[in-house]
Amino acid sequence: MIGIKNDGLKTQWWYFDSFWECLEEVVQVLTYGDSKYNAEDGANWKRLPDAEKRFKDALLRHLLAYRTGEKIDQETGKSHLAHLITNALFLMWFDKKGN
């Protein structure tokens, strides 16, 4: 007899198995940002005036750099795509919080 578990519609975290290294670089970007713009709770980005506009601009700057062939951000040594994802996560957080 085979067991049954109805988890087909639940979040399938195994999809991330291919992306842990990429996600680590995103966390490294967050860590760099926290060291540059230090906040005791690591959330300086939440208190930034005009945050959504500024993160949209940053996302587009990293996308443009990537599209023009520059793979690595000169300041951090991390992928422009990792920066883009970081900015997208900030924007998603603001969107979900309704700010």
N, C-alpha and C. Protein backbone atom coordinates (compact mmCIF):
# COMPACT_ATOMS: atom_id res chain seq x y z
N MET A 1 0.85 -1.18 0.00
CA MET A 1 0.00 0.00 0.00
C MET A 1 0.90 1.25 0.00
N ILE A 2 0.56 2.24 -0.80
CA ILE A 2 1.31 3.50 -0.91
C ILE A 2 0.61 4.56 -0.08
N GLY A 3 1.41 5.33 0.67
CA GLY A 3 0.85 6.41 1.48
C GLY A 3 0.41 7.58 0.61
N ILE A 4 -0.46 8.38 1.15
CA ILE A 4 -0.99 9.54 0.44
C ILE A 4 -0.76 10.78 1.29
N LYS A 5 -0.33 11.83 0.62
CA LYS A 5 -0.20 13.14 1.28
C LYS A 5 -0.60 14.19 0.26
N ASN A 6 -1.62 14.94 0.55
CA ASN A 6 -2.15 15.94 -0.38
C ASN A 6 -1.42 17.27 -0.19
N ASP A 7 -0.24 17.37 -0.78
CA ASP A 7 0.53 18.61 -0.65
C ASP A 7 0.80 19.26 -2.00
N GLY A 8 0.07 18.87 -3.02
CA GLY A 8 0.29 19.40 -4.36
C GLY A 8 0.09 20.89 -4.50
N LEU A 9 -0.78 21.49 -3.69
CA LEU A 9 -1.03 22.93 -3.79
C LEU A 9 -0.26 23.74 -2.75
N LYS A 10 0.55 23.07 -1.95
CA LYS A 10 1.36 23.77 -0.96
C LYS A 10 2.65 24.28 -1.60
N THR A 11 3.27 25.23 -0.93
CA THR A 11 4.52 25.80 -1.44
C THR A 11 5.56 24.70 -1.60
N GLN A 12 6.15 24.63 -2.76
CA GLN A 12 7.14 23.60 -3.10
C GLN A 12 8.54 24.21 -3.03
N TRP A 13 9.11 24.17 -1.84
CA TRP A 13 10.42 24.78 -1.62
C TRP A 13 11.54 24.11 -2.38
N TRP A 14 11.36 22.90 -2.85
CA TRP A 14 12.41 22.22 -3.61
C TRP A 14 12.74 22.96 -4.90
N TYR A 15 11.84 23.83 -5.36
CA TYR A 15 12.15 24.62 -6.56
C TYR A 15 13.42 25.46 -6.36
N PHE A 16 13.71 25.82 -5.12
CA PHE A 16 14.88 26.64 -4.82
C PHE A 16 16.18 25.85 -4.87
N ASP A 17 16.13 24.54 -4.98
CA ASP A 17 17.34 23.74 -4.95
C ASP A 17 18.40 24.20 -5.95
N SER A 18 17.97 24.75 -7.06
CA SER A 18 18.91 25.22 -8.09
C SER A 18 19.40 26.64 -7.82
N PHE A 19 18.82 27.32 -6.85
CA PHE A 19 19.08 28.75 -6.70
C PHE A 19 19.76 29.16 -5.40
N TRP A 20 20.15 28.22 -4.54
CA TRP A 20 20.71 28.60 -3.25
C TRP A 20 21.96 29.46 -3.40
N GLU A 21 22.81 29.13 -4.35
CA GLU A 21 24.04 29.93 -4.55
C GLU A 21 23.68 31.35 -4.98
N CYS A 22 22.69 31.47 -5.83
CA CYS A 22 22.25 32.80 -6.28
C CYS A 22 21.65 33.57 -5.12
N LEU A 23 20.85 32.90 -4.32
CA LEU A 23 20.23 33.55 -3.17
C LEU A 23 21.27 33.98 -2.14
N GLU A 24 22.34 33.20 -2.02
CA GLU A 24 23.41 33.58 -1.11
C GLU A 24 24.02 34.91 -1.54
N GLU A 25 24.17 35.12 -2.84
CA GLU A 25 24.72 36.39 -3.31
C GLU A 25 23.77 37.55 -3.03
N VAL A 26 22.47 37.31 -3.10
CA VAL A 26 21.50 38.34 -2.72
C VAL A 26 21.66 38.69 -1.25
N VAL A 27 21.83 37.70 -0.40
CA VAL A 27 22.04 37.95 1.03
C VAL A 27 23.36 38.69 1.24
N GLN A 28 24.36 38.41 0.44
CA GLN A 28 25.63 39.14 0.53
C GLN A 28 25.44 40.61 0.17
N VAL A 29 24.59 40.88 -0.82
CA VAL A 29 24.27 42.27 -1.17
C VAL A 29 23.56 42.95 0.00
N LEU A 30 22.62 42.25 0.61
CA LEU A 30 21.93 42.81 1.78
C LEU A 30 22.91 43.09 2.92
N THR A 31 23.84 42.16 3.13
CA THR A 31 24.84 42.31 4.19
C THR A 31 25.74 43.51 3.91
N TYR A 32 26.16 43.66 2.65
CA TYR A 32 26.98 44.81 2.27
C TYR A 32 26.21 46.10 2.54
N GLY A 33 24.97 46.13 2.11
CA GLY A 33 24.15 47.33 2.31
C GLY A 33 23.99 47.67 3.78
N ASP A 34 23.84 46.65 4.61
CA ASP A 34 23.70 46.90 6.04
C ASP A 34 25.00 47.44 6.63
N SER A 35 26.14 46.99 6.13
CA SER A 35 27.40 47.52 6.65
C SER A 35 27.63 48.95 6.17
N LYS A 36 27.13 49.28 4.99
CA LYS A 36 27.29 50.63 4.44
C LYS A 36 26.30 51.61 5.07
N TYR A 37 25.06 51.16 5.25
CA TYR A 37 23.99 52.00 5.79
C TYR A 37 23.49 51.36 7.08
N ASN A 38 24.37 51.25 8.04
CA ASN A 38 24.11 50.47 9.24
C ASN A 38 22.88 50.95 10.00
N ALA A 39 22.06 49.98 10.35
CA ALA A 39 20.93 50.20 11.26
C ALA A 39 20.95 49.03 12.24
N GLU A 40 20.66 49.33 13.47
CA GLU A 40 20.74 48.30 14.50
C GLU A 40 19.89 47.08 14.15
N ASP A 41 18.75 47.31 13.52
CA ASP A 41 17.85 46.20 13.18
C ASP A 41 18.02 45.72 11.74
N GLY A 42 19.00 46.26 11.01
CA GLY A 42 19.24 45.84 9.63
C GLY A 42 18.17 46.31 8.66
N ALA A 43 17.36 47.28 9.07
CA ALA A 43 16.22 47.68 8.24
C ALA A 43 16.25 49.17 7.87
N ASN A 44 17.43 49.70 7.65
CA ASN A 44 17.54 51.08 7.19
C ASN A 44 16.71 51.30 5.93
N TRP A 45 16.70 50.31 5.06
CA TRP A 45 15.98 50.42 3.79
C TRP A 45 14.49 50.65 3.98
N LYS A 46 13.92 50.23 5.10
CA LYS A 46 12.49 50.42 5.35
C LYS A 46 12.16 51.86 5.70
N ARG A 47 13.14 52.61 6.16
CA ARG A 47 12.91 53.97 6.65
C ARG A 47 13.40 55.05 5.67
N LEU A 48 13.79 54.66 4.51
CA LEU A 48 14.34 55.58 3.52
C LEU A 48 13.23 56.47 2.95
N PRO A 49 13.41 57.80 2.96
CA PRO A 49 12.42 58.67 2.33
C PRO A 49 12.30 58.36 0.83
N ASP A 50 11.11 58.36 0.31
CA ASP A 50 10.85 58.05 -1.10
C ASP A 50 11.43 56.70 -1.49
N ALA A 51 11.33 55.73 -0.60
CA ALA A 51 11.99 54.44 -0.78
C ALA A 51 11.58 53.76 -2.08
N GLU A 52 10.30 53.70 -2.36
CA GLU A 52 9.87 52.96 -3.56
C GLU A 52 10.46 53.57 -4.83
N LYS A 53 10.41 54.88 -4.94
CA LYS A 53 10.97 55.55 -6.12
C LYS A 53 12.47 55.27 -6.22
N ARG A 54 13.16 55.34 -5.11
CA ARG A 54 14.60 55.17 -5.12
C ARG A 54 15.00 53.73 -5.42
N PHE A 55 14.24 52.77 -4.90
CA PHE A 55 14.55 51.37 -5.19
C PHE A 55 14.19 51.01 -6.63
N LYS A 56 13.14 51.62 -7.17
CA LYS A 56 12.83 51.40 -8.59
C LYS A 56 13.98 51.93 -9.45
N ASP A 57 14.47 53.12 -9.10
CA ASP A 57 15.60 53.69 -9.85
C ASP A 57 16.82 52.79 -9.75
N ALA A 58 17.13 52.30 -8.55
CA ALA A 58 18.29 51.44 -8.36
C ALA A 58 18.13 50.14 -9.15
N LEU A 59 16.93 49.56 -9.11
CA LEU A 59 16.67 48.34 -9.88
C LEU A 59 16.94 48.57 -11.36
N LEU A 60 16.44 49.68 -11.88
CA LEU A 60 16.63 49.97 -13.31
C LEU A 60 18.09 50.26 -13.64
N ARG A 61 18.83 50.93 -12.74
CA ARG A 61 20.26 51.16 -12.98
C ARG A 61 21.01 49.84 -13.09
N HIS A 62 20.70 48.89 -12.21
CA HIS A 62 21.37 47.59 -12.25
C HIS A 62 20.94 46.80 -13.49
N LEU A 63 19.69 46.92 -13.88
CA LEU A 63 19.22 46.25 -15.09
C LEU A 63 19.92 46.83 -16.32
N LEU A 64 20.03 48.14 -16.39
CA LEU A 64 20.70 48.79 -17.52
C LEU A 64 22.17 48.38 -17.58
N ALA A 65 22.83 48.36 -16.44
CA ALA A 65 24.24 47.95 -16.41
C ALA A 65 24.37 46.51 -16.93
N TYR A 66 23.49 45.64 -16.48
CA TYR A 66 23.52 44.25 -16.92
C TYR A 66 23.24 44.14 -18.43
N ARG A 67 22.24 44.88 -18.89
CA ARG A 67 21.87 44.81 -20.31
C ARG A 67 22.96 45.35 -21.22
N THR A 68 23.80 46.24 -20.70
CA THR A 68 24.88 46.78 -21.52
C THR A 68 26.16 45.97 -21.39
N GLY A 69 26.08 44.82 -20.71
CA GLY A 69 27.20 43.89 -20.66
C GLY A 69 28.03 43.90 -19.39
N GLU A 70 27.69 44.79 -18.46
CA GLU A 70 28.44 44.83 -17.20
C GLU A 70 27.78 43.85 -16.22
N LYS A 71 28.45 42.78 -15.93
CA LYS A 71 27.88 41.72 -15.10
C LYS A 71 28.03 42.00 -13.60
N ILE A 72 29.14 42.64 -13.21
CA ILE A 72 29.50 42.80 -11.80
C ILE A 72 29.47 44.27 -11.40
N ASP A 73 28.84 44.56 -10.28
CA ASP A 73 28.82 45.91 -9.72
C ASP A 73 30.22 46.24 -9.20
N GLN A 74 30.77 47.35 -9.64
CA GLN A 74 32.15 47.69 -9.29
C GLN A 74 32.34 47.96 -7.80
N GLU A 75 31.33 48.54 -7.16
CA GLU A 75 31.46 48.88 -5.74
C GLU A 75 31.47 47.64 -4.85
N THR A 76 30.58 46.69 -5.14
CA THR A 76 30.42 45.54 -4.23
C THR A 76 31.11 44.28 -4.71
N GLY A 77 31.38 44.18 -6.00
CA GLY A 77 31.93 42.95 -6.55
C GLY A 77 30.89 41.85 -6.70
N LYS A 78 29.63 42.22 -6.56
CA LYS A 78 28.53 41.27 -6.68
C LYS A 78 27.78 41.52 -7.99
N SER A 79 27.06 40.51 -8.41
CA SER A 79 26.31 40.56 -9.66
C SER A 79 25.29 41.70 -9.65
N HIS A 80 25.18 42.38 -10.79
CA HIS A 80 24.12 43.38 -10.93
C HIS A 80 22.75 42.72 -10.77
N LEU A 81 22.64 41.47 -11.18
CA LEU A 81 21.36 40.78 -11.03
C LEU A 81 21.03 40.55 -9.55
N ALA A 82 22.03 40.28 -8.72
CA ALA A 82 21.79 40.14 -7.28
C ALA A 82 21.30 41.46 -6.69
N HIS A 83 21.84 42.57 -7.17
CA HIS A 83 21.37 43.89 -6.73
C HIS A 83 19.94 44.13 -7.22
N LEU A 84 19.69 43.77 -8.45
CA LEU A 84 18.35 43.93 -9.02
C LEU A 84 17.33 43.13 -8.20
N ILE A 85 17.66 41.90 -7.87
CA ILE A 85 16.76 41.05 -7.08
C ILE A 85 16.55 41.66 -5.70
N THR A 86 17.61 42.17 -5.09
CA THR A 86 17.49 42.81 -3.78
C THR A 86 16.52 43.98 -3.84
N ASN A 87 16.67 44.83 -4.85
CA ASN A 87 15.76 45.96 -5.00
C ASN A 87 14.34 45.50 -5.28
N ALA A 88 14.19 44.44 -6.06
CA ALA A 88 12.85 43.90 -6.34
C ALA A 88 12.21 43.37 -5.05
N LEU A 89 13.01 42.74 -4.19
CA LEU A 89 12.49 42.26 -2.91
C LEU A 89 12.05 43.42 -2.02
N PHE A 90 12.83 44.50 -2.00
CA PHE A 90 12.42 45.68 -1.24
C PHE A 90 11.08 46.20 -1.76
N LEU A 91 10.97 46.33 -3.08
CA LEU A 91 9.73 46.83 -3.67
C LEU A 91 8.56 45.90 -3.39
N MET A 92 8.80 44.61 -3.44
CA MET A 92 7.75 43.65 -3.15
C MET A 92 7.29 43.78 -1.70
N TRP A 93 8.24 43.98 -0.79
CA TRP A 93 7.90 44.15 0.62
C TRP A 93 7.00 45.38 0.80
N PHE A 94 7.40 46.53 0.19
CA PHE A 94 6.59 47.74 0.28
C PHE A 94 5.21 47.53 -0.34
N ASP A 95 5.17 46.83 -1.44
CA ASP A 95 3.90 46.56 -2.12
C ASP A 95 2.97 45.73 -1.22
N LYS A 96 3.50 44.72 -0.58
CA LYS A 96 2.70 43.87 0.31
C LYS A 96 2.27 44.61 1.58
N LYS A 97 3.13 45.51 2.05
CA LYS A 97 2.81 46.26 3.27
C LYS A 97 1.90 47.46 2.98
N GLY A 98 1.71 47.78 1.70
CA GLY A 98 0.85 48.88 1.34
C GLY A 98 1.44 50.25 1.60
N ASN A 99 2.77 50.32 1.62
CA ASN A 99 3.43 51.60 1.87
C ASN A 99 3.68 52.31 0.55
